[in-house]
Amino acid sequence: MQHRVLRSRRAGAPLAGFLACVLAATACQSTGATGTGGRRSPRSAAAEDWEPGPMVVPPLEAGDVGAVFVCGKVLTVDPGDRVFAPGMVVVRNGRIAAVGPVVEDEVLAGYERFEFPDGWAAPGLVELHSHIQTGSWSDINDSVRSINCEFRTSPTIVPGNANVRRACAGGVTTMFGIPGSGSNMSGFGVLYKAKCSSGYEEAVMRDPGGLKVAEDSNPQRPPPQFGGSRAGMAWLIEDVNDRALAAIAQDRSDPALDNLKRVHTKELPVLIHTAGSEGVENTARMWRVTYDTRAILSHGSFDGWKSAAYLAEVGMPVNNGPRTMDYYSTREGRIIGMADEYDRAGVPLISMNTDAGIVPQEELFLQGAMASRLGADNYLMLRAVTAHPAIAFGIADRVGSLESGKDADVVIWNGEPLDPRARVEVVMIDGRIEYDRARDGQRF
């Protein structure tokens, strides 16, 4: 049995601040409080109706592969937001088998054991707005036409490229690799894992993973091309959506529209690039009210936060970033933390993005840290890079939290996951160690 021991970067240093935040949030939830300043509890809305199952550690049978992480703290980010200090994560055959307090049982005798007395175990980070799948900026746009619902990123994915390897070393384990925003309906992206040495089939989680749409700024075209105004872009997008709905009503197959039809039947989600308050409201009205899709608004930057109340009213999740602050679009006399404003308005399932490589993919954790620095709740921002994007994109049955039965995507940090001073020590994806700092070195 292998034993791996990691000590804190600062011997004897207190690492209780984040845990205290979580426990305080739990106390607020149990008493029905919402905290100060009108902010909602950072705990999951489903927590009150959720009960964890019993912790059962299965024995390894012939041919099974298992590992157990024993850590100073385990942040499950599950619907109950359970924290175990100390705690353990048991992995069997690529799936999480059990999560809970540390137990010593003979059934664990066959498991490879990793000990991190001062380490923090957390779910792998989930990124919904990433362009690093090719290894460069090439092959992410087809801008000959404004509407490209036939376009897919799947042929462009280069698993384990240098950008993916750095992302993995930053704790990112799941990404939505999407086309750029050079056209209004950019095409369909792929959900894939940040595996460092695998082929396409092993890395890809879902293909297509969802639709990417761009409705603001970038795809606007100069005259005399149609689509040079917001009205023109809206007409183009609504026209193709109406044609897809007609194909559904007529039970008619159309290769150009078949994936878009899956968006309108809610089989696939749609991520919409939009920034600015006027663009934000138009996007929400089109994709959540007119068409009632599983839509997630991405960016919401500049003064987009001023439309937060309307987004909350129509139930539109926001995937904020890469800009996390508004300091010149409005005249508030202060720096505005966008995620905090969206949260205060009641916007559901707030998540963060890097728009990588605008911000390096490995700095997704830093997006959460900066949003927290700008006023958002620290633990809510941990959910914003783990559970929330997974729920919004319909993949929470596999990723986003440490729960029995989910993919064994586990990240071990040497401190609080959103502390810029912390570093990733080990990343496991689907039960395999994809990054080990002691073995692979610091990649960024």
Protein backbone atom coordinates (compact mmCIF):
# COMPACT_ATOMS: atom_id res chain seq x y z
CA MET A 1 0.00 0.00 0.00
CA GLN A 2 1.43 3.40 -0.99
CA HIS A 3 1.40 6.20 1.57
CA ARG A 4 1.82 9.80 0.45
CA VAL A 5 2.06 12.52 3.09
CA LEU A 6 1.78 16.28 2.43
CA ARG A 7 2.37 18.91 5.07
CA SER A 8 1.15 22.49 4.99
CA ARG A 9 3.14 25.17 3.15
CA ARG A 10 3.26 27.04 6.47
CA ALA A 11 3.85 24.66 9.34
CA GLY A 12 1.39 25.29 12.10
CA ALA A 13 -0.43 28.02 10.18
CA PRO A 14 -4.18 28.19 10.82
CA LEU A 15 -6.25 27.08 7.82
CA ALA A 16 -9.66 27.50 9.44
CA GLY A 17 -10.95 30.68 7.84
CA PHE A 18 -12.74 29.04 4.93
CA LEU A 19 -14.16 26.29 7.13
CA ALA A 20 -15.47 28.92 9.54
CA CYS A 21 -17.22 30.61 6.59
CA VAL A 22 -18.86 27.33 5.62
CA LEU A 23 -19.96 26.55 9.16
CA ALA A 24 -21.33 30.08 9.59
CA ALA A 25 -23.30 29.69 6.37
CA THR A 26 -24.66 26.38 7.64
CA ALA A 27 -25.75 28.04 10.87
CA CYS A 28 -27.55 30.80 8.94
CA GLN A 29 -29.38 28.22 6.85
CA SER A 30 -30.52 26.23 9.87
CA THR A 31 -31.98 29.31 11.54
CA GLY A 32 -33.56 30.67 8.37
CA ALA A 33 -31.27 33.71 8.31
CA THR A 34 -30.05 35.21 5.05
CA GLY A 35 -26.95 36.92 6.36
CA THR A 36 -26.14 40.62 6.23
CA GLY A 37 -26.71 43.11 3.47
CA GLY A 38 -29.58 41.16 1.90
CA ARG A 39 -27.26 38.52 0.51
CA ARG A 40 -28.71 35.04 0.23
CA SER A 41 -27.20 32.07 2.01
CA PRO A 42 -24.39 30.58 -0.07
CA ARG A 43 -25.70 27.09 0.61
CA SER A 44 -27.49 25.11 -2.06
CA ALA A 45 -31.19 25.88 -2.44
CA ALA A 46 -31.81 22.12 -2.49
CA ALA A 47 -30.10 21.55 0.88
CA GLU A 48 -33.29 21.52 2.95
CA ASP A 49 -34.75 18.63 0.93
CA TRP A 50 -31.53 16.66 0.62
CA GLU A 51 -30.39 13.82 2.83
CA PRO A 52 -27.00 12.14 2.39
CA GLY A 53 -26.95 8.39 2.10
CA PRO A 54 -24.97 6.19 4.47
CA MET A 55 -21.22 6.06 4.01
CA VAL A 56 -20.48 2.58 2.67
CA VAL A 57 -16.95 1.63 1.63
CA PRO A 58 -17.11 -1.29 -0.82
CA PRO A 59 -14.35 -3.91 -0.75
CA LEU A 60 -12.15 -4.25 -3.81
CA GLU A 61 -12.80 -7.34 -5.87
CA ALA A 62 -10.52 -9.00 -8.39
CA GLY A 63 -9.61 -6.51 -11.12
CA ASP A 64 -10.83 -3.46 -9.19
CA VAL A 65 -8.67 -0.37 -8.74
CA GLY A 66 -9.12 1.82 -5.69
CA ALA A 67 -7.61 4.80 -3.89
CA VAL A 68 -8.37 6.67 -0.70
CA PHE A 69 -7.46 10.30 0.00
CA VAL A 70 -7.19 11.19 3.69
CA CYS A 71 -7.14 14.98 4.04
CA GLY A 72 -7.23 17.67 6.66
CA LYS A 73 -10.46 18.96 5.11
CA VAL A 74 -12.86 17.63 2.51
CA LEU A 75 -15.16 20.19 0.85
CA THR A 76 -17.88 18.11 -0.78
CA VAL A 77 -19.84 21.05 -2.31
CA ASP A 78 -22.77 18.62 -2.32
CA PRO A 79 -26.39 19.80 -1.85
CA GLY A 80 -25.84 19.76 1.92
CA ASP A 81 -22.48 21.53 1.61
CA ARG A 82 -20.92 19.02 3.98
CA VAL A 83 -17.39 19.60 5.23
CA PHE A 84 -15.35 16.85 6.89
CA ALA A 85 -12.33 17.92 8.93
CA PRO A 86 -10.52 15.60 8.74
CA GLY A 87 -12.16 13.61 6.00
CA MET A 88 -11.63 11.00 3.34
CA VAL A 89 -12.58 10.40 -0.29
CA VAL A 90 -12.72 6.78 -1.43
CA VAL A 91 -12.38 6.05 -5.16
CA ARG A 92 -13.17 2.76 -6.84
CA ASN A 93 -12.94 2.03 -10.58
CA GLY A 94 -12.99 5.65 -11.65
CA ARG A 95 -15.96 6.66 -9.50
CA ILE A 96 -16.30 8.13 -6.03
CA ALA A 97 -17.29 5.26 -3.76
CA ALA A 98 -17.62 7.11 -0.46
CA VAL A 99 -17.00 10.51 1.16
CA GLY A 100 -17.05 11.17 4.88
CA PRO A 101 -15.12 11.26 8.12
CA VAL A 102 -11.91 9.28 8.41
CA VAL A 103 -12.49 5.65 9.32
CA GLU A 104 -10.01 2.84 9.67
CA ASP A 105 -11.50 -0.35 8.34
CA GLU A 106 -9.95 -3.55 7.06
CA VAL A 107 -12.03 -3.14 3.90
CA LEU A 108 -9.62 -0.32 2.92
CA ALA A 109 -6.61 -2.64 3.00
CA GLY A 110 -6.52 -3.04 -0.78
CA TYR A 111 -6.86 0.67 -1.57
CA GLU A 112 -3.87 2.84 -2.48
CA ARG A 113 -3.67 5.42 0.27
CA PHE A 114 -2.71 9.10 -0.08
CA GLU A 115 -2.38 11.20 3.07
CA PHE A 116 -2.56 14.99 3.11
CA PRO A 117 -2.82 16.02 6.78
CA ASP A 118 -3.04 19.73 5.90
CA GLY A 119 -4.51 19.29 2.43
CA TRP A 120 -7.93 20.34 1.20
CA ALA A 121 -9.86 17.97 -1.06
CA ALA A 122 -12.41 19.61 -3.36
CA PRO A 123 -14.26 18.77 -6.59
CA GLY A 124 -12.57 19.41 -9.90
CA LEU A 125 -13.32 22.85 -11.32
CA VAL A 126 -15.84 23.17 -14.16
CA GLU A 127 -15.40 25.76 -16.94
CA LEU A 128 -18.28 26.59 -19.31
CA HIS A 129 -16.53 29.13 -21.56
CA SER A 130 -13.22 27.85 -22.92
CA HIS A 131 -11.43 28.06 -26.27
CA ILE A 132 -8.23 26.11 -25.53
CA GLN A 133 -9.32 22.85 -27.15
CA THR A 134 -7.16 23.37 -30.26
CA GLY A 135 -4.02 24.32 -28.36
CA SER A 136 -4.08 27.78 -29.94
CA TRP A 137 -6.52 30.41 -31.25
CA SER A 138 -6.82 28.62 -34.60
CA ASP A 139 -9.90 26.77 -35.86
CA ILE A 140 -12.43 28.21 -33.43
CA ASN A 141 -14.43 30.45 -35.80
CA ASP A 142 -16.17 30.03 -39.13
CA SER A 143 -17.31 33.56 -39.85
CA VAL A 144 -18.26 33.30 -43.50
CA ARG A 145 -21.90 33.20 -42.41
CA SER A 146 -23.58 34.70 -39.37
CA ILE A 147 -25.54 31.53 -38.60
CA ASN A 148 -23.47 28.36 -38.22
CA CYS A 149 -25.62 25.88 -36.35
CA GLU A 150 -23.97 23.10 -38.41
CA PHE A 151 -20.49 24.01 -37.09
CA ARG A 152 -18.93 21.82 -34.38
CA THR A 153 -15.66 22.03 -32.47
CA SER A 154 -15.24 18.26 -32.24
CA PRO A 155 -12.80 17.97 -35.21
CA THR A 156 -10.56 20.65 -33.69
CA ILE A 157 -10.01 19.14 -30.25
CA VAL A 158 -6.42 18.25 -29.39
CA PRO A 159 -6.60 16.30 -26.10
CA GLY A 160 -3.75 16.88 -23.68
CA ASN A 161 -2.37 19.95 -25.46
CA ALA A 162 -0.13 22.30 -23.47
CA ASN A 163 -3.05 24.56 -22.50
CA VAL A 164 -5.05 21.57 -21.24
CA ARG A 165 -2.09 20.34 -19.20
CA ARG A 166 -1.76 23.71 -17.49
CA ALA A 167 -5.52 23.81 -16.91
CA CYS A 168 -5.30 20.43 -15.21
CA ALA A 169 -2.48 21.69 -12.98
CA GLY A 170 -4.80 24.54 -11.97
CA GLY A 171 -7.48 22.13 -10.78
CA VAL A 172 -9.75 22.42 -13.85
CA THR A 173 -11.09 18.98 -14.76
CA THR A 174 -14.10 19.67 -17.04
CA MET A 175 -14.37 22.21 -19.87
CA PHE A 176 -16.90 23.22 -22.50
CA GLY A 177 -14.73 23.75 -25.57
CA ILE A 178 -16.63 26.13 -27.82
CA PRO A 179 -16.38 28.13 -31.05
CA GLY A 180 -15.48 31.80 -30.88
CA SER A 181 -17.89 34.72 -31.10
CA GLY A 182 -17.23 35.72 -34.69
CA SER A 183 -20.76 34.77 -35.75
CA ASN A 184 -24.19 34.95 -34.13
CA MET A 185 -24.86 31.23 -33.96
CA SER A 186 -21.29 30.08 -33.55
CA GLY A 187 -21.91 26.33 -33.45
CA PHE A 188 -21.82 23.39 -31.06
CA GLY A 189 -19.09 22.79 -28.51
CA VAL A 190 -17.83 19.68 -26.76
CA LEU A 191 -17.70 18.87 -23.05
CA TYR A 192 -14.39 17.20 -22.28
CA LYS A 193 -12.06 16.36 -19.43
CA ALA A 194 -8.63 17.92 -18.88
CA LYS A 195 -6.84 14.63 -19.29
CA CYS A 196 -3.17 14.97 -20.10
CA SER A 197 -2.49 11.75 -21.98
CA SER A 198 -5.61 10.34 -23.58
CA GLY A 199 -7.33 10.15 -26.92
CA TYR A 200 -10.51 11.86 -28.04
CA GLU A 201 -12.93 9.12 -26.95
CA GLU A 202 -11.49 8.94 -23.44
CA ALA A 203 -11.36 12.72 -22.95
CA VAL A 204 -14.77 13.65 -24.35
CA MET A 205 -17.68 13.70 -21.94
CA ARG A 206 -20.46 14.76 -24.34
CA ASP A 207 -20.45 15.65 -28.03
CA PRO A 208 -22.18 17.89 -28.78
CA GLY A 209 -22.12 19.38 -25.33
CA GLY A 210 -24.29 22.38 -26.13
CA LEU A 211 -24.75 25.38 -28.42
CA LYS A 212 -22.67 28.59 -28.38
CA VAL A 213 -24.42 31.81 -29.45
CA ALA A 214 -23.00 35.35 -29.62
CA GLU A 215 -25.44 38.24 -29.48
CA ASP A 216 -23.38 41.28 -28.65
CA SER A 217 -20.43 43.27 -30.03
CA ASN A 218 -18.09 40.68 -31.55
CA PRO A 219 -20.41 39.23 -34.23
CA GLN A 220 -21.76 42.57 -35.44
CA ARG A 221 -20.94 42.99 -39.14
CA PRO A 222 -20.16 46.15 -41.12
CA PRO A 223 -22.58 47.41 -43.77
CA PRO A 224 -23.81 46.32 -46.24
CA GLN A 225 -23.88 42.89 -44.55
CA PHE A 226 -27.11 42.02 -42.77
CA GLY A 227 -26.43 41.68 -39.04
CA GLY A 228 -24.66 44.98 -38.48
CA SER A 229 -27.18 46.06 -35.84
CA ARG A 230 -28.75 44.41 -32.80
CA ALA A 231 -32.06 44.25 -34.66
CA GLY A 232 -30.44 42.52 -37.62
CA MET A 233 -28.63 40.00 -35.43
CA ALA A 234 -31.83 39.27 -33.52
CA TRP A 235 -33.71 38.65 -36.77
CA LEU A 236 -31.08 36.17 -37.97
CA ILE A 237 -31.13 34.23 -34.71
CA GLU A 238 -34.92 34.17 -34.40
CA ASP A 239 -35.27 33.11 -38.03
CA VAL A 240 -33.17 29.98 -37.61
CA ASN A 241 -34.81 29.19 -34.25
CA ASP A 242 -38.25 29.43 -35.85
CA ARG A 243 -37.13 27.12 -38.64
CA ALA A 244 -35.91 24.59 -36.07
CA LEU A 245 -39.25 24.75 -34.21
CA ALA A 246 -41.09 24.23 -37.51
CA ALA A 247 -38.98 21.14 -38.19
CA ILE A 248 -39.90 19.78 -34.76
CA ALA A 249 -43.60 20.46 -35.33
CA GLN A 250 -43.46 18.72 -38.70
CA ASP A 251 -41.36 15.83 -37.35
CA ARG A 252 -38.93 16.61 -40.14
CA SER A 253 -35.22 15.85 -40.19
CA ASP A 254 -32.90 18.58 -41.44
CA PRO A 255 -29.14 17.95 -40.99
CA ALA A 256 -28.51 21.69 -40.73
CA LEU A 257 -31.02 22.04 -37.89
CA ASP A 258 -31.00 18.68 -36.10
CA ASN A 259 -28.69 19.77 -33.26
CA LEU A 260 -30.53 23.07 -32.86
CA LYS A 261 -33.76 21.11 -32.53
CA ARG A 262 -32.18 19.35 -29.53
CA VAL A 263 -31.72 22.76 -27.90
CA HIS A 264 -35.43 23.50 -28.32
CA THR A 265 -36.42 20.13 -26.87
CA LYS A 266 -34.16 20.96 -23.88
CA GLU A 267 -31.90 17.99 -24.52
CA LEU A 268 -28.94 20.36 -24.93
CA PRO A 269 -28.15 23.70 -23.22
CA VAL A 270 -27.19 26.94 -24.93
CA LEU A 271 -24.49 29.35 -23.74
CA ILE A 272 -24.94 32.92 -24.99
CA HIS A 273 -22.12 35.47 -25.23
CA THR A 274 -23.67 38.81 -24.20
CA ALA A 275 -22.42 41.90 -22.39
CA GLY A 276 -23.98 45.21 -21.42
CA SER A 277 -27.36 45.84 -19.83
CA GLU A 278 -29.34 46.20 -23.06
CA GLY A 279 -27.82 43.06 -24.55
CA VAL A 280 -28.34 41.10 -21.34
CA GLU A 281 -32.08 41.81 -21.22
CA ASN A 282 -32.57 41.03 -24.91
CA THR A 283 -30.74 37.73 -24.54
CA ALA A 284 -32.76 36.68 -21.51
CA ARG A 285 -36.03 37.64 -23.19
CA MET A 286 -35.21 35.69 -26.36
CA TRP A 287 -33.77 32.49 -24.90
CA ARG A 288 -35.72 32.15 -21.62
CA VAL A 289 -39.07 33.77 -22.45
CA THR A 290 -39.66 33.56 -26.20
CA TYR A 291 -38.03 30.15 -26.68
CA ASP A 292 -37.87 28.71 -23.13
CA THR A 293 -34.54 26.92 -23.52
CA ARG A 294 -31.92 25.75 -21.03
CA ALA A 295 -30.02 28.98 -21.55
CA ILE A 296 -27.02 30.32 -19.63
CA LEU A 297 -25.92 33.91 -20.15
CA SER A 298 -22.14 34.15 -20.46
CA HIS A 299 -20.14 37.29 -19.65
CA GLY A 300 -22.82 39.74 -18.43
CA SER A 301 -19.98 42.23 -18.22
CA PHE A 302 -19.65 46.03 -18.26
CA ASP A 303 -22.99 47.34 -16.93
CA GLY A 304 -24.80 44.05 -17.50
CA TRP A 305 -25.27 43.71 -13.76
CA LYS A 306 -27.82 46.55 -13.90
CA SER A 307 -30.22 44.09 -15.54
CA ALA A 308 -29.72 41.52 -12.79
CA ALA A 309 -33.24 41.91 -11.42
CA TYR A 310 -34.75 40.93 -14.77
CA LEU A 311 -32.42 37.93 -15.08
CA ALA A 312 -33.54 36.80 -11.64
CA GLU A 313 -37.19 37.26 -12.64
CA VAL A 314 -36.88 34.97 -15.68
CA GLY A 315 -34.53 32.51 -13.93
CA MET A 316 -31.51 33.08 -16.20
CA PRO A 317 -28.22 31.68 -14.83
CA VAL A 318 -25.16 33.88 -15.37
CA ASN A 319 -21.67 32.63 -16.25
CA ASN A 320 -19.68 35.75 -15.34
CA GLY A 321 -16.24 36.61 -16.67
CA PRO A 322 -13.59 37.14 -17.77
CA ARG A 323 -14.24 40.66 -16.46
CA THR A 324 -15.23 40.39 -12.83
CA MET A 325 -15.64 44.11 -12.14
CA ASP A 326 -17.24 47.21 -13.61
CA TYR A 327 -15.15 50.30 -13.02
CA TYR A 328 -15.76 52.53 -16.03
CA SER A 329 -19.03 51.59 -17.76
CA THR A 330 -21.14 53.13 -15.01
CA ARG A 331 -20.80 56.13 -12.76
CA GLU A 332 -21.33 54.57 -9.35
CA GLY A 333 -18.24 56.08 -7.78
CA ARG A 334 -16.94 52.67 -6.81
CA ILE A 335 -15.66 49.43 -8.29
CA ILE A 336 -18.58 47.06 -8.84
CA GLY A 337 -18.14 43.35 -8.19
CA MET A 338 -20.43 41.83 -10.81
CA ALA A 339 -20.95 38.41 -9.25
CA ASP A 340 -21.95 40.03 -5.97
CA GLU A 341 -24.51 42.22 -7.74
CA TYR A 342 -26.00 39.23 -9.58
CA ASP A 343 -26.19 37.31 -6.32
CA ARG A 344 -27.86 40.17 -4.43
CA ALA A 345 -30.51 40.36 -7.15
CA GLY A 346 -31.29 36.65 -6.78
CA VAL A 347 -29.84 35.38 -10.07
CA PRO A 348 -29.66 31.56 -9.91
CA LEU A 349 -26.62 29.32 -10.41
CA ILE A 350 -23.98 32.03 -10.76
CA SER A 351 -20.79 30.62 -12.24
CA MET A 352 -17.46 32.10 -13.29
CA ASN A 353 -15.47 31.80 -16.50
CA THR A 354 -12.07 32.70 -17.91
CA ASP A 355 -13.02 32.85 -21.60
CA ALA A 356 -9.67 31.04 -21.95
CA GLY A 357 -7.31 31.96 -23.35
CA ILE A 358 -8.42 35.58 -22.60
CA VAL A 359 -7.62 34.69 -19.01
CA PRO A 360 -5.44 31.56 -18.76
CA GLN A 361 -7.58 28.48 -18.16
CA GLU A 362 -5.52 27.51 -15.12
CA GLU A 363 -6.65 30.73 -13.40
CA LEU A 364 -10.33 29.77 -13.13
CA PHE A 365 -9.89 29.49 -9.37
CA LEU A 366 -8.55 33.06 -9.40
CA GLN A 367 -11.74 34.29 -11.09
CA GLY A 368 -13.66 33.01 -8.07
CA ALA A 369 -11.10 34.54 -5.72
CA MET A 370 -11.35 37.96 -7.40
CA ALA A 371 -15.16 37.87 -7.37
CA SER A 372 -14.95 37.13 -3.65
CA ARG A 373 -12.47 39.95 -3.16
CA LEU A 374 -15.00 42.23 -4.87
CA GLY A 375 -17.79 41.35 -2.46
CA ALA A 376 -19.23 37.95 -3.41
CA ASP A 377 -19.49 35.27 -0.75
CA ASN A 378 -16.35 33.12 -0.68
CA TYR A 379 -18.13 29.79 -0.46
CA LEU A 380 -20.67 30.79 -3.11
CA MET A 381 -17.73 31.42 -5.43
CA LEU A 382 -16.44 27.91 -4.76
CA ARG A 383 -19.82 26.66 -5.90
CA ALA A 384 -19.53 29.05 -8.87
CA VAL A 385 -16.55 27.11 -10.22
CA THR A 386 -17.78 23.62 -9.31
CA ALA A 387 -21.42 22.72 -8.60
CA HIS A 388 -23.21 25.65 -10.24
CA PRO A 389 -21.84 25.28 -13.79
CA ALA A 390 -22.39 21.52 -13.57
CA ILE A 391 -26.03 21.97 -12.55
CA ALA A 392 -26.67 24.68 -15.14
CA PHE A 393 -25.28 22.49 -17.93
CA GLY A 394 -27.02 19.29 -16.87
CA ILE A 395 -23.90 17.34 -15.92
CA ALA A 396 -24.23 17.46 -12.13
CA ASP A 397 -24.93 13.73 -12.08
CA ARG A 398 -21.25 13.26 -12.95
CA VAL A 399 -19.20 16.29 -11.86
CA GLY A 400 -19.26 19.41 -9.69
CA SER A 401 -19.26 17.84 -6.21
CA LEU A 402 -17.72 15.01 -4.22
CA GLU A 403 -20.54 12.48 -3.93
CA SER A 404 -20.78 8.73 -4.11
CA GLY A 405 -21.36 7.53 -7.67
CA LYS A 406 -19.95 10.59 -9.44
CA ASP A 407 -16.83 10.72 -11.59
CA ALA A 408 -13.72 10.60 -9.43
CA ASP A 409 -12.58 14.14 -10.28
CA VAL A 410 -10.75 15.14 -7.10
CA VAL A 411 -8.35 18.03 -6.54
CA ILE A 412 -6.02 18.25 -3.56
CA TRP A 413 -4.93 21.76 -2.62
CA ASN A 414 -2.36 22.75 0.01
CA GLY A 415 -4.71 25.48 1.27
CA GLU A 416 -8.08 27.07 0.65
CA PRO A 417 -9.01 26.43 -3.02
CA LEU A 418 -9.76 30.11 -3.70
CA ASP A 419 -6.72 31.42 -1.83
CA PRO A 420 -4.28 32.80 -4.45
CA ARG A 421 -1.43 31.61 -2.25
CA ALA A 422 -2.59 28.00 -2.46
CA ARG A 423 -1.42 25.55 -5.08
CA VAL A 424 -2.72 22.31 -6.51
CA GLU A 425 -0.85 19.22 -5.36
CA VAL A 426 -2.75 16.39 -7.05
CA VAL A 427 -5.50 16.17 -9.67
CA MET A 428 -7.41 12.96 -10.23
CA ILE A 429 -9.76 12.67 -13.21
CA ASP A 430 -11.99 9.63 -13.64
CA GLY A 431 -9.96 7.81 -11.01
CA ARG A 432 -6.54 8.39 -12.59
CA ILE A 433 -3.85 10.77 -11.32
CA GLU A 434 -3.47 13.24 -14.19
CA TYR A 435 -1.28 15.72 -12.33
CA ASP A 436 1.03 15.28 -9.37
CA ARG A 437 3.11 18.33 -8.54
CA ALA A 438 5.76 16.23 -6.82
CA ARG A 439 6.08 14.11 -9.97
CA ASP A 440 5.35 16.62 -12.76
CA GLY A 441 6.60 19.88 -11.29
CA GLN A 442 4.88 23.25 -11.15
CA ARG A 443 3.41 23.86 -14.63
CA PHE A 444 2.63 27.55 -14.27
